[in-house]
């Protein structure tokens, strides 16, 4: 459900991550001054967690708190806003921009700024993994492995991500998981597990085409081991929104998930990797974040 044009004062704080997506943002303040219909304050972040700290302090002072960056920046800022009356805005500047694309936010920055002026607000679900919030996608297995490898590279961007994936897929070994979803238990060997709030990772690669950020559920996507020669097919399916039709993909919806595995390993939350333990508890948090969405959402 979308409530239109309820932001009357339009006092906004723009929190800019200067390094997200490997893209320069020196010209962004001028674009904001030109395109944004309201009073704007701009802050550049200078380290991990700074965006979250700034957002938390701004909740009661601004109508809109805008994340200028990728899914990781969005995660930092949105994590501070969950459960509050603050409204999240997004200017997509990441490598994939998965949540922004799903919400119909324009990828062109001038158009994205203009979109903030519409005041089209949707209330969406968030989720938690071992108490840490995510909004678009979490995962373990191959995609978490790639996120970890990608995080150590000097270059960002989609091309670098593709190169890293091609280098790592040859040697990656699938793992066995015990998955409990709303009290039903599944034992699966998986190339990767994705926990989808929205349908896509980013760059329009859809792992769960029918996922919704407003249904109170997470889509648990089990990508089963597949022959290496079918890797291109799996990629094509994601970009054509047909991953759910593959015999190597199983999707189970639920609200409360517990995953057990043999060893600690990387997990990603909205593309940002961390080492997680043998057991991970994941929950949906329905109707917990207000965000300005695009006209086609």
Foldseek 3Di string as FASTA:
>chain_A
DKDWDPDDQQEEEEEEACPAANDGCPCVVVLLVVQADHHYHYHYDDDPLRLLVVLLVCQVPGQEYEQEHAQVSVLSNQQSCWQGNHAYAYQYDHQFRQVQVLLAQDPPRSSSNNLVNGRTKDQFKWKDKVRRIFQFKKKDALLLVLLVVQVPDPHGHDVSSVVSSVVPVVPGDWFWKWKAFPNDTDIATANMKMWGQGQDLGPQQGQRLPHHRAPLKTKIKGQHDDDPVCVVVCRVCRNVVNNCVDPRIDIDIHFKMKMAGDAWDWMDGSSHIDTDGRIMIMGMGHRTHMYRGGPVD
